[in-house]
Full PDB file with SEQRES, HELIX, SHEET, SSBOND, CRYST1, ORIGX, SCALE, CONECT and MASTER records, all heavy atoms in Angstrom:
SEQRES   1 A   38  ILE HIS LYS LYS GLN GLY ASP ILE GLU LEU LEU ALA ASP          
SEQRES   2 A   38  THR MET LYS LYS LEU GLU GLU GLU TRP LYS ASN LYS GLN          
SEQRES   3 A   38  ASP ASP LEU GLU ARG LYS ILE GLN CYS LEU GLU GLU              
HELIX    1 AA1 ALA A   12  THR A   14  5                                   3    
HELIX    2 AA2 MET A   15  GLU A   37  1                                  23    
CRYST1    1.000    1.000    1.000  90.00  90.00  90.00 P 1           1          
ORIGX1      1.000000  0.000000  0.000000        0.00000                         
ORIGX2      0.000000  1.000000  0.000000        0.00000                         
ORIGX3      0.000000  0.000000  1.000000        0.00000                         
SCALE1      1.000000  0.000000  0.000000        0.00000                         
SCALE2      0.000000  1.000000  0.000000        0.00000                         
SCALE3      0.000000  0.000000  1.000000        0.00000                         
ATOM      1  N   ILE A   1     107.697 103.510 109.078  1.00  0.00           N  
ATOM      2  CA  ILE A   1     106.594 103.040 109.923  1.00  0.00           C  
ATOM      3  C   ILE A   1     105.349 103.819 109.527  1.00  0.00           C  
ATOM      4  O   ILE A   1     105.331 105.053 109.566  1.00  0.00           O  
ATOM      5  CB  ILE A   1     106.915 103.222 111.420  1.00  0.00           C  
ATOM      6  CG1 ILE A   1     108.066 102.285 111.802  1.00  0.00           C  
ATOM      7  CG2 ILE A   1     105.677 102.948 112.275  1.00  0.00           C  
ATOM      8  CD1 ILE A   1     108.583 102.439 113.197  1.00  0.00           C  
ATOM      9  N   HIS A   2     104.320 103.091 109.116  1.00  0.00           N  
ATOM     10  CA  HIS A   2     103.073 103.708 108.669  1.00  0.00           C  
ATOM     11  C   HIS A   2     101.990 103.498 109.720  1.00  0.00           C  
ATOM     12  O   HIS A   2     101.566 102.371 109.953  1.00  0.00           O  
ATOM     13  CB  HIS A   2     102.634 103.107 107.326  1.00  0.00           C  
ATOM     14  CG  HIS A   2     103.619 103.347 106.240  1.00  0.00           C  
ATOM     15  ND1 HIS A   2     104.451 102.355 105.764  1.00  0.00           N  
ATOM     16  CD2 HIS A   2     103.919 104.468 105.552  1.00  0.00           C  
ATOM     17  CE1 HIS A   2     105.214 102.859 104.811  1.00  0.00           C  
ATOM     18  NE2 HIS A   2     104.916 104.132 104.667  1.00  0.00           N  
ATOM     19  N   LYS A   3     101.609 104.605 110.342  1.00  0.00           N  
ATOM     20  CA  LYS A   3     100.528 104.560 111.334  1.00  0.00           C  
ATOM     21  C   LYS A   3      99.323 105.287 110.776  1.00  0.00           C  
ATOM     22  O   LYS A   3      99.459 106.343 110.146  1.00  0.00           O  
ATOM     23  CB  LYS A   3     100.979 105.228 112.634  1.00  0.00           C  
ATOM     24  CG  LYS A   3     102.020 104.421 113.395  1.00  0.00           C  
ATOM     25  CD  LYS A   3     102.316 105.048 114.728  1.00  0.00           C  
ATOM     26  CE  LYS A   3     103.348 104.214 115.501  1.00  0.00           C  
ATOM     27  NZ  LYS A   3     103.752 104.858 116.739  1.00  0.00           N  
ATOM     28  N   LYS A   4      98.180 104.723 111.054  1.00  0.00           N  
ATOM     29  CA  LYS A   4      96.959 105.320 110.532  1.00  0.00           C  
ATOM     30  C   LYS A   4      96.713 106.673 111.185  1.00  0.00           C  
ATOM     31  O   LYS A   4      96.655 106.780 112.401  1.00  0.00           O  
ATOM     32  CB  LYS A   4      95.774 104.365 110.784  1.00  0.00           C  
ATOM     33  CG  LYS A   4      94.545 104.714 109.978  1.00  0.00           C  
ATOM     34  CD  LYS A   4      93.528 103.594 109.947  1.00  0.00           C  
ATOM     35  CE  LYS A   4      92.786 103.533 111.262  1.00  0.00           C  
ATOM     36  NZ  LYS A   4      91.479 102.870 111.145  1.00  0.00           N  
ATOM     37  N   GLN A   5      96.566 107.707 110.357  1.00  0.00           N  
ATOM     38  CA  GLN A   5      96.306 109.067 110.833  1.00  0.00           C  
ATOM     39  C   GLN A   5      94.818 109.389 110.810  1.00  0.00           C  
ATOM     40  O   GLN A   5      94.380 110.375 111.381  1.00  0.00           O  
ATOM     41  CB  GLN A   5      97.049 110.085 109.965  1.00  0.00           C  
ATOM     42  CG  GLN A   5      98.544 109.796 109.791  1.00  0.00           C  
ATOM     43  CD  GLN A   5      99.310 109.909 111.097  1.00  0.00           C  
ATOM     44  OE1 GLN A   5      99.108 110.841 111.857  1.00  0.00           O  
ATOM     45  NE2 GLN A   5     100.178 108.947 111.344  1.00  0.00           N  
ATOM     46  N   GLY A   6      94.073 108.571 110.106  1.00  0.00           N  
ATOM     47  CA  GLY A   6      92.619 108.780 109.991  1.00  0.00           C  
ATOM     48  C   GLY A   6      92.021 107.592 109.262  1.00  0.00           C  
ATOM     49  O   GLY A   6      92.750 106.683 108.850  1.00  0.00           O  
ATOM     50  N   ASP A   7      90.726 107.580 109.100  1.00  0.00           N  
ATOM     51  CA  ASP A   7      90.064 106.469 108.403  1.00  0.00           C  
ATOM     52  C   ASP A   7      90.281 106.578 106.897  1.00  0.00           C  
ATOM     53  O   ASP A   7      90.435 107.665 106.362  1.00  0.00           O  
ATOM     54  CB  ASP A   7      88.559 106.466 108.702  1.00  0.00           C  
ATOM     55  CG  ASP A   7      88.271 106.017 110.128  1.00  0.00           C  
ATOM     56  OD1 ASP A   7      89.074 105.228 110.670  1.00  0.00           O  
ATOM     57  OD2 ASP A   7      87.260 106.472 110.701  1.00  0.00           O  
ATOM     58  N   ILE A   8      90.264 105.419 106.251  1.00  0.00           N  
ATOM     59  CA  ILE A   8      90.246 105.403 104.790  1.00  0.00           C  
ATOM     60  C   ILE A   8      88.828 105.756 104.375  1.00  0.00           C  
ATOM     61  O   ILE A   8      87.892 104.980 104.604  1.00  0.00           O  
ATOM     62  CB  ILE A   8      90.641 104.006 104.243  1.00  0.00           C  
ATOM     63  CG1 ILE A   8      92.062 103.637 104.691  1.00  0.00           C  
ATOM     64  CG2 ILE A   8      90.541 103.975 102.721  1.00  0.00           C  
ATOM     65  CD1 ILE A   8      92.466 102.206 104.363  1.00  0.00           C  
ATOM     66  N   GLU A   9      88.682 106.924 103.814  1.00  0.00           N  
ATOM     67  CA  GLU A   9      87.337 107.411 103.499  1.00  0.00           C  
ATOM     68  C   GLU A   9      87.029 107.205 102.025  1.00  0.00           C  
ATOM     69  O   GLU A   9      87.632 107.840 101.168  1.00  0.00           O  
ATOM     70  CB  GLU A   9      87.214 108.885 103.876  1.00  0.00           C  
ATOM     71  CG  GLU A   9      87.301 109.103 105.374  1.00  0.00           C  
ATOM     72  CD  GLU A   9      87.086 110.545 105.771  1.00  0.00           C  
ATOM     73  OE1 GLU A   9      86.645 111.346 104.936  1.00  0.00           O  
ATOM     74  OE2 GLU A   9      87.366 110.873 106.938  1.00  0.00           O  
ATOM     75  N   LEU A  10      86.107 106.312 101.764  1.00  0.00           N  
ATOM     76  CA  LEU A  10      85.678 106.051 100.385  1.00  0.00           C  
ATOM     77  C   LEU A  10      84.310 105.424 100.409  1.00  0.00           C  
ATOM     78  O   LEU A  10      84.088 104.407 101.061  1.00  0.00           O  
ATOM     79  CB  LEU A  10      86.667 105.121  99.679  1.00  0.00           C  
ATOM     80  CG  LEU A  10      86.442 104.959  98.183  1.00  0.00           C  
ATOM     81  CD1 LEU A  10      86.652 106.270  97.438  1.00  0.00           C  
ATOM     82  CD2 LEU A  10      87.358 103.891  97.610  1.00  0.00           C  
ATOM     83  N   LEU A  11      83.389 106.061  99.724  1.00  0.00           N  
ATOM     84  CA  LEU A  11      82.018 105.547  99.649  1.00  0.00           C  
ATOM     85  C   LEU A  11      81.749 105.073  98.220  1.00  0.00           C  
ATOM     86  O   LEU A  11      82.031 105.790  97.262  1.00  0.00           O  
ATOM     87  CB  LEU A  11      81.010 106.638 100.032  1.00  0.00           C  
ATOM     88  CG  LEU A  11      81.122 107.171 101.463  1.00  0.00           C  
ATOM     89  CD1 LEU A  11      80.181 108.339 101.665  1.00  0.00           C  
ATOM     90  CD2 LEU A  11      80.823 106.070 102.482  1.00  0.00           C  
ATOM     91  N   ALA A  12      81.207 103.865  98.112  1.00  0.00           N  
ATOM     92  CA  ALA A  12      80.951 103.277  96.784  1.00  0.00           C  
ATOM     93  C   ALA A  12      80.046 104.178  95.945  1.00  0.00           C  
ATOM     94  O   ALA A  12      80.231 104.289  94.737  1.00  0.00           O  
ATOM     95  CB  ALA A  12      80.341 101.890  96.945  1.00  0.00           C  
ATOM     96  N   ASP A  13      79.076 104.836  96.584  1.00  0.00           N  
ATOM     97  CA  ASP A  13      78.131 105.623  95.795  1.00  0.00           C  
ATOM     98  C   ASP A  13      78.694 106.963  95.313  1.00  0.00           C  
ATOM     99  O   ASP A  13      78.045 107.692  94.580  1.00  0.00           O  
ATOM    100  CB  ASP A  13      76.802 105.826  96.548  1.00  0.00           C  
ATOM    101  CG  ASP A  13      76.986 106.511  97.908  1.00  0.00           C  
ATOM    102  OD1 ASP A  13      78.104 106.939  98.207  1.00  0.00           O  
ATOM    103  OD2 ASP A  13      75.988 106.586  98.653  1.00  0.00           O  
ATOM    104  N   THR A  14      79.926 107.312  95.732  1.00  0.00           N  
ATOM    105  CA  THR A  14      80.546 108.539  95.211  1.00  0.00           C  
ATOM    106  C   THR A  14      81.590 108.228  94.142  1.00  0.00           C  
ATOM    107  O   THR A  14      82.231 109.132  93.614  1.00  0.00           O  
ATOM    108  CB  THR A  14      81.243 109.325  96.342  1.00  0.00           C  
ATOM    109  OG1 THR A  14      82.326 108.542  96.879  1.00  0.00           O  
ATOM    110  CG2 THR A  14      80.272 109.699  97.435  1.00  0.00           C  
ATOM    111  N   MET A  15      81.751 106.944  93.802  1.00  0.00           N  
ATOM    112  CA  MET A  15      82.807 106.531  92.872  1.00  0.00           C  
ATOM    113  C   MET A  15      82.700 107.210  91.518  1.00  0.00           C  
ATOM    114  O   MET A  15      83.684 107.679  90.972  1.00  0.00           O  
ATOM    115  CB  MET A  15      82.799 105.003  92.704  1.00  0.00           C  
ATOM    116  CG  MET A  15      83.557 104.270  93.777  1.00  0.00           C  
ATOM    117  SD  MET A  15      85.306 104.720  93.791  1.00  0.00           S  
ATOM    118  CE  MET A  15      85.786 104.238  92.152  1.00  0.00           C  
ATOM    119  N   LYS A  16      81.511 107.253  90.947  1.00  0.00           N  
ATOM    120  CA  LYS A  16      81.347 107.851  89.609  1.00  0.00           C  
ATOM    121  C   LYS A  16      81.780 109.302  89.604  1.00  0.00           C  
ATOM    122  O   LYS A  16      82.460 109.764  88.685  1.00  0.00           O  
ATOM    123  CB  LYS A  16      79.885 107.732  89.150  1.00  0.00           C  
ATOM    124  CG  LYS A  16      79.471 106.346  88.740  1.00  0.00           C  
ATOM    125  CD  LYS A  16      80.105 105.963  87.414  1.00  0.00           C  
ATOM    126  CE  LYS A  16      79.731 104.541  87.010  1.00  0.00           C  
ATOM    127  NZ  LYS A  16      80.746 103.942  86.134  1.00  0.00           N  
ATOM    128  N   LYS A  17      81.399 110.031  90.659  1.00  0.00           N  
ATOM    129  CA  LYS A  17      81.767 111.444  90.758  1.00  0.00           C  
ATOM    130  C   LYS A  17      83.290 111.598  90.881  1.00  0.00           C  
ATOM    131  O   LYS A  17      83.892 112.432  90.217  1.00  0.00           O  
ATOM    132  CB  LYS A  17      81.061 112.064  91.972  1.00  0.00           C  
ATOM    133  CG  LYS A  17      81.317 113.546  92.148  1.00  0.00           C  
ATOM    134  CD  LYS A  17      80.422 114.098  93.250  1.00  0.00           C  
ATOM    135  CE  LYS A  17      80.625 115.576  93.455  1.00  0.00           C  
ATOM    136  NZ  LYS A  17      81.778 115.927  94.259  1.00  0.00           N  
ATOM    137  N   LEU A  18      83.898 110.763  91.728  1.00  0.00           N  
ATOM    138  CA  LEU A  18      85.352 110.820  91.914  1.00  0.00           C  
ATOM    139  C   LEU A  18      86.092 110.460  90.620  1.00  0.00           C  
ATOM    140  O   LEU A  18      87.081 111.097  90.262  1.00  0.00           O  
ATOM    141  CB  LEU A  18      85.785 109.889  93.050  1.00  0.00           C  
ATOM    142  CG  LEU A  18      85.427 110.316  94.472  1.00  0.00           C  
ATOM    143  CD1 LEU A  18      85.700 109.192  95.442  1.00  0.00           C  
ATOM    144  CD2 LEU A  18      86.216 111.567  94.862  1.00  0.00           C  
ATOM    145  N   GLU A  19      85.606 109.441  89.934  1.00  0.00           N  
ATOM    146  CA  GLU A  19      86.238 109.034  88.669  1.00  0.00           C  
ATOM    147  C   GLU A  19      86.180 110.173  87.663  1.00  0.00           C  
ATOM    148  O   GLU A  19      87.162 110.425  86.953  1.00  0.00           O  
ATOM    149  CB  GLU A  19      85.542 107.790  88.094  1.00  0.00           C  
ATOM    150  CG  GLU A  19      85.956 106.504  88.780  1.00  0.00           C  
ATOM    151  CD  GLU A  19      85.265 105.275  88.208  1.00  0.00           C  
ATOM    152  OE1 GLU A  19      84.572 105.396  87.166  1.00  0.00           O  
ATOM    153  OE2 GLU A  19      85.412 104.203  88.797  1.00  0.00           O  
ATOM    154  N   GLU A  20      85.061 110.872  87.600  1.00  0.00           N  
ATOM    155  CA  GLU A  20      84.916 111.999  86.663  1.00  0.00           C  
ATOM    156  C   GLU A  20      85.881 113.128  87.024  1.00  0.00           C  
ATOM    157  O   GLU A  20      86.510 113.727  86.153  1.00  0.00           O  
ATOM    158  CB  GLU A  20      83.468 112.490  86.670  1.00  0.00           C  
ATOM    159  CG  GLU A  20      83.118 113.465  85.568  1.00  0.00           C  
ATOM    160  CD  GLU A  20      83.289 112.887  84.167  1.00  0.00           C  
ATOM    161  OE1 GLU A  20      83.071 111.672  83.970  1.00  0.00           O  
ATOM    162  OE2 GLU A  20      83.648 113.678  83.270  1.00  0.00           O  
ATOM    163  N   GLU A  21      86.009 113.399  88.335  1.00  0.00           N  
ATOM    164  CA  GLU A  21      86.928 114.467  88.785  1.00  0.00           C  
ATOM    165  C   GLU A  21      88.370 114.137  88.406  1.00  0.00           C  
ATOM    166  O   GLU A  21      89.099 114.983  87.891  1.00  0.00           O  
ATOM    167  CB  GLU A  21      86.820 114.642  90.299  1.00  0.00           C  
ATOM    168  CG  GLU A  21      85.549 115.347  90.741  1.00  0.00           C  
ATOM    169  CD  GLU A  21      85.377 115.365  92.256  1.00  0.00           C  
ATOM    170  OE1 GLU A  21      86.304 114.950  92.978  1.00  0.00           O  
ATOM    171  OE2 GLU A  21      84.288 115.789  92.700  1.00  0.00           O  
ATOM    172  N   TRP A  22      88.796 112.874  88.660  1.00  0.00           N  
ATOM    173  CA  TRP A  22      90.168 112.475  88.332  1.00  0.00           C  
ATOM    174  C   TRP A  22      90.393 112.437  86.821  1.00  0.00           C  
ATOM    175  O   TRP A  22      91.470 112.772  86.339  1.00  0.00           O  
ATOM    176  CB  TRP A  22      90.502 111.118  88.964  1.00  0.00           C  
ATOM    177  CG  TRP A  22      90.867 111.248  90.400  1.00  0.00           C  
ATOM    178  CD1 TRP A  22      90.090 110.936  91.476  1.00  0.00           C  
ATOM    179  CD2 TRP A  22      92.103 111.718  90.953  1.00  0.00           C  
ATOM    180  NE1 TRP A  22      90.759 111.188  92.644  1.00  0.00           N  
ATOM    181  CE2 TRP A  22      91.997 111.665  92.350  1.00  0.00           C  
ATOM    182  CE3 TRP A  22      93.289 112.195  90.384  1.00  0.00           C  
ATOM    183  CZ2 TRP A  22      93.031 112.051  93.204  1.00  0.00           C  
ATOM    184  CZ3 TRP A  22      94.324 112.579  91.223  1.00  0.00           C  
ATOM    185  CH2 TRP A  22      94.193 112.516  92.611  1.00  0.00           C  
ATOM    186  N   LYS A  23      89.370 112.048  86.070  1.00  0.00           N  
ATOM    187  CA  LYS A  23      89.477 112.029  84.610  1.00  0.00           C  
ATOM    188  C   LYS A  23      89.702 113.450  84.095  1.00  0.00           C  
ATOM    189  O   LYS A  23      90.552 113.691  83.242  1.00  0.00           O  
ATOM    190  CB  LYS A  23      88.209 111.426  83.981  1.00  0.00           C  
ATOM    191  CG  LYS A  23      88.268 111.338  82.457  1.00  0.00           C  
ATOM    192  CD  LYS A  23      86.962 110.819  81.892  1.00  0.00           C  
ATOM    193  CE  LYS A  23      87.007 110.752  80.384  1.00  0.00           C  
ATOM    194  NZ  LYS A  23      87.337 112.038  79.733  1.00  0.00           N  
ATOM    195  N   ASN A  24      88.943 114.411  84.640  1.00  0.00           N  
ATOM    196  CA  ASN A  24      89.089 115.808  84.213  1.00  0.00           C  
ATOM    197  C   ASN A  24      90.479 116.349  84.557  1.00  0.00           C  
ATOM    198  O   ASN A  24      91.095 117.060  83.755  1.00  0.00           O  
ATOM    199  CB  ASN A  24      88.005 116.678  84.844  1.00  0.00           C  
ATOM    200  CG  ASN A  24      86.631 116.380  84.275  1.00  0.00           C  
ATOM    201  OD1 ASN A  24      86.503 115.857  83.170  1.00  0.00           O  
ATOM    202  ND2 ASN A  24      85.581 116.685  85.034  1.00  0.00           N  
ATOM    203  N   LYS A  25      90.974 116.000  85.765  1.00  0.00           N  
ATOM    204  CA  LYS A  25      92.324 116.429  86.151  1.00  0.00           C  
ATOM    205  C   LYS A  25      93.377 115.879  85.187  1.00  0.00           C  
ATOM    206  O   LYS A  25      94.279 116.598  84.755  1.00  0.00           O  
ATOM    207  CB  LYS A  25      92.658 115.944  87.577  1.00  0.00           C  
ATOM    208  CG  LYS A  25      91.999 116.719  88.684  1.00  0.00           C  
ATOM    209  CD  LYS A  25      92.417 116.141  90.033  1.00  0.00           C  
ATOM    210  CE  LYS A  25      91.624 116.747  91.163  1.00  0.00           C  
ATOM    211  NZ  LYS A  25      91.985 116.170  92.466  1.00  0.00           N  
ATOM    212  N   GLN A  26      93.219 114.613  84.870  1.00  0.00           N  
ATOM    213  CA  GLN A  26      94.192 113.974  83.971  1.00  0.00           C  
ATOM    214  C   GLN A  26      94.109 114.559  82.562  1.00  0.00           C  
ATOM    215  O   GLN A  26      95.138 114.823  81.927  1.00  0.00           O  
ATOM    216  CB  GLN A  26      93.956 112.448  83.940  1.00  0.00           C  
ATOM    217  CG  GLN A  26      95.112 111.708  83.323  1.00  0.00           C  
ATOM    218  CD  GLN A  26      95.075 110.212  83.554  1.00  0.00           C  
ATOM    219  OE1 GLN A  26      96.002 109.553  83.138  1.00  0.00           O  
ATOM    220  NE2 GLN A  26      94.071 109.651  84.188  1.00  0.00           N  
ATOM    221  N   ASP A  27      92.881 114.803  82.072  1.00  0.00           N  
ATOM    222  CA  ASP A  27      92.703 115.404  80.747  1.00  0.00           C  
ATOM    223  C   ASP A  27      93.335 116.787  80.695  1.00  0.00           C  
ATOM    224  O   ASP A  27      94.021 117.138  79.728  1.00  0.00           O  
ATOM    225  CB  ASP A  27      91.211 115.500  80.393  1.00  0.00           C  
ATOM    226  CG  ASP A  27      90.596 114.138  80.090  1.00  0.00           C  
ATOM    227  OD1 ASP A  27      91.356 113.165  79.887  1.00  0.00           O  
ATOM    228  OD2 ASP A  27      89.351 114.052  80.066  1.00  0.00           O  
ATOM    229  N   ASP A  28      93.109 117.602  81.743  1.00  0.00           N  
ATOM    230  CA  ASP A  28      93.691 118.950  81.797  1.00  0.00           C  
ATOM    231  C   ASP A  28      95.216 118.893  81.767  1.00  0.00           C  
ATOM    232  O   ASP A  28      95.863 119.655  81.059  1.00  0.00           O  
ATOM    233  CB  ASP A  28      93.240 119.699  83.061  1.00  0.00           C  
ATOM    234  CG  ASP A  28      91.779 120.119  83.006  1.00  0.00           C  
ATOM    235  OD1 ASP A  28      91.197 120.108  81.899  1.00  0.00           O  
ATOM    236  OD2 ASP A  28      91.220 120.455  84.068  1.00  0.00           O  
ATOM    237  N   LEU A  29      95.770 117.979  82.543  1.00  0.00           N  
ATOM    238  CA  LEU A  29      97.225 117.847  82.619  1.00  0.00           C  
ATOM    239  C   LEU A  29      97.797 117.369  81.292  1.00  0.00           C  
ATOM    240  O   LEU A  29      98.838 117.852  80.845  1.00  0.00           O  
ATOM    241  CB  LEU A  29      97.593 116.891  83.743  1.00  0.00           C  
ATOM    242  CG  LEU A  29      99.067 116.836  84.158  1.00  0.00           C  
ATOM    243  CD1 LEU A  29      99.619 118.215  84.471  1.00  0.00           C  
ATOM    244  CD2 LEU A  29      99.233 115.912  85.353  1.00  0.00           C  
ATOM    245  N   GLU A  30      97.108 116.434  80.621  1.00  0.00           N  
ATOM    246  CA  GLU A  30      97.572 115.961  79.313  1.00  0.00           C  
ATOM    247  C   GLU A  30      97.582 117.100  78.303  1.00  0.00           C  
ATOM    248  O   GLU A  30      98.500 117.217  77.494  1.00  0.00           O  
ATOM    249  CB  GLU A  30      96.680 114.823  78.817  1.00  0.00           C  
ATOM    250  CG  GLU A  30      97.053 113.492  79.443  1.00  0.00           C  
ATOM    251  CD  GLU A  30      96.177 112.340  78.964  1.00  0.00           C  
ATOM    252  OE1 GLU A  30      95.116 112.599  78.345  1.00  0.00           O  
ATOM    253  OE2 GLU A  30      96.545 111.184  79.211  1.00  0.00           O  
ATOM    254  N   ARG A  31      96.554 117.983  78.355  1.00  0.00           N  
ATOM    255  CA  ARG A  31      96.524 119.135  77.450  1.00  0.00           C  
ATOM    256  C   ARG A  31      97.694 120.083  77.735  1.00  0.00           C  
ATOM    257  O   ARG A  31      98.328 120.601  76.813  1.00  0.00           O  
ATOM    258  CB  ARG A  31      95.199 119.886  77.583  1.00  0.00           C  
ATOM    259  CG  ARG A  31      94.057 119.233  76.810  1.00  0.00           C  
ATOM    260  CD  ARG A  31      92.848 120.141  76.703  1.00  0.00           C  
ATOM    261  NE  ARG A  31      92.175 120.293  77.994  1.00  0.00           N  
ATOM    262  CZ  ARG A  31      91.232 119.461  78.445  1.00  0.00           C  
ATOM    263  NH1 ARG A  31      90.853 118.430  77.714  1.00  0.00           N  
ATOM    264  NH2 ARG A  31      90.664 119.662  79.605  1.00  0.00           N  
ATOM    265  N   LYS A  32      97.996 120.290  79.025  1.00  0.00           N  
ATOM    266  CA  LYS A  32      99.124 121.175  79.382  1.00  0.00           C  
ATOM    267  C   LYS A  32     100.439 120.593  78.902  1.00  0.00           C  
ATOM    268  O   LYS A  32     101.288 121.315  78.364  1.00  0.00           O  
ATOM    269  CB  LYS A  32      99.156 121.381  80.894  1.00  0.00           C  
ATOM    270  CG  LYS A  32      98.081 122.310  81.408  1.00  0.00           C  
ATOM    271  CD  LYS A  32      98.099 122.410  82.912  1.00  0.00           C  
ATOM    272  CE  LYS A  32      96.911 123.235  83.407  1.00  0.00           C  
ATOM    273  NZ  LYS A  32      96.730 123.162  84.858  1.00  0.00           N  
ATOM    274  N   ILE A  33     100.629 119.274  79.103  1.00  0.00           N  
ATOM    275  CA  ILE A  33     101.867 118.638  78.663  1.00  0.00           C  
ATOM    276  C   ILE A  33     101.983 118.715  77.140  1.00  0.00           C  
ATOM    277  O   ILE A  33     103.051 119.019  76.606  1.00  0.00           O  
ATOM    278  CB  ILE A  33     101.929 117.167  79.151  1.00  0.00           C  
ATOM    279  CG1 ILE A  33     102.166 117.142  80.677  1.00  0.00           C  
ATOM    280  CG2 ILE A  33     103.034 116.388  78.432  1.00  0.00           C  
ATOM    281  CD1 ILE A  33     102.072 115.776  81.297  1.00  0.00           C  
ATOM    282  N   GLN A  34     100.886 118.476  76.433  1.00  0.00           N  
ATOM    283  CA  GLN A  34     100.879 118.554  74.970  1.00  0.00           C  
ATOM    284  C   GLN A  34     101.244 119.962  74.518  1.00  0.00           C  
ATOM    285  O   GLN A  34     102.030 120.150  73.593  1.00  0.00           O  
ATOM    286  CB  GLN A  34      99.500 118.157  74.423  1.00  0.00           C  
ATOM    287  CG  GLN A  34      99.401 118.155  72.910  1.00  0.00           C  
ATOM    288  CD  GLN A  34     100.308 117.146  72.258  1.00  0.00           C  
ATOM    289  OE1 GLN A  34     100.489 116.047  72.764  1.00  0.00           O  
ATOM    290  NE2 GLN A  34     100.912 117.491  71.143  1.00  0.00           N  
ATOM    291  N   CYS A  35     100.678 120.957  75.206  1.00  0.00           N  
ATOM    292  CA  CYS A  35     100.973 122.353  74.870  1.00  0.00           C  
ATOM    293  C   CYS A  35     102.455 122.651  75.092  1.00  0.00           C  
ATOM    294  O   CYS A  35     103.085 123.309  74.266  1.00  0.00           O  
ATOM    295  CB  CYS A  35     100.099 123.267  75.736  1.00  0.00           C  
ATOM    296  SG  CYS A  35     100.296 125.011  75.342  1.00  0.00           S  
ATOM    297  N   LEU A  36     103.012 122.153  76.196  1.00  0.00           N  
ATOM    298  CA  LEU A  36     104.434 122.363  76.478  1.00  0.00           C  
ATOM    299  C   LEU A  36     105.298 121.688  75.419  1.00  0.00           C  
ATOM    300  O   LEU A  36     106.293 122.259  74.973  1.00  0.00           O  
ATOM    301  CB  LEU A  36     104.793 121.818  77.863  1.00  0.00           C  
ATOM    302  CG  LEU A  36     104.332 122.652  79.058  1.00  0.00           C  
ATOM    303  CD1 LEU A  36     104.614 121.907  80.357  1.00  0.00           C  
ATOM    304  CD2 LEU A  36     105.019 124.004  79.070  1.00  0.00           C  
ATOM    305  N   GLU A  37     104.910 120.473  75.000  1.00  0.00           N  
ATOM    306  CA  GLU A  37     105.674 119.774  73.957  1.00  0.00           C  
ATOM    307  C   GLU A  37     105.685 120.578  72.666  1.00  0.00           C  
ATOM    308  O   GLU A  37     106.718 120.719  72.021  1.00  0.00           O  
ATOM    309  CB  GLU A  37     105.065 118.384  73.708  1.00  0.00           C  
ATOM    310  CG  GLU A  37     105.381 117.371  74.803  1.00  0.00           C  
ATOM    311  CD  GLU A  37     104.634 116.062  74.608  1.00  0.00           C  
ATOM    312  OE1 GLU A  37     103.817 115.959  73.667  1.00  0.00           O  
ATOM    313  OE2 GLU A  37     104.880 115.143  75.401  1.00  0.00           O  
ATOM    314  N   GLU A  38     104.516 121.134  72.320  1.00  0.00           N  
ATOM    315  CA  GLU A  38     104.423 121.941  71.101  1.00  0.00           C  
ATOM    316  C   GLU A  38     105.273 123.200  71.223  1.00  0.00           C  
ATOM    317  O   GLU A  38     105.971 123.585  70.279  1.00  0.00           O  
ATOM    318  CB  GLU A  38     102.967 122.305  70.804  1.00  0.00           C  
ATOM    319  CG  GLU A  38     102.145 121.121  70.326  1.00  0.00           C  
ATOM    320  CD  GLU A  38     100.657 121.419  70.254  1.00  0.00           C  
ATOM    321  OE1 GLU A  38     100.260 122.584  70.489  1.00  0.00           O  
ATOM    322  OE2 GLU A  38      99.894 120.467  69.968  1.00  0.00           O  
TER     323      GLU A  38                                                      
MASTER        0    0    0    2    0    0    0    6  322    1    0    3          
END                                                                             
């Protein structure tokens, strides 16, 4: 059972900033995984 605990918070004008943050997180993680593979 999924009950709303708060509002879905997302503003269109912050999208570019959020995309950049998630891109950086993913890039960092890919580098770590690559390092572990090596």
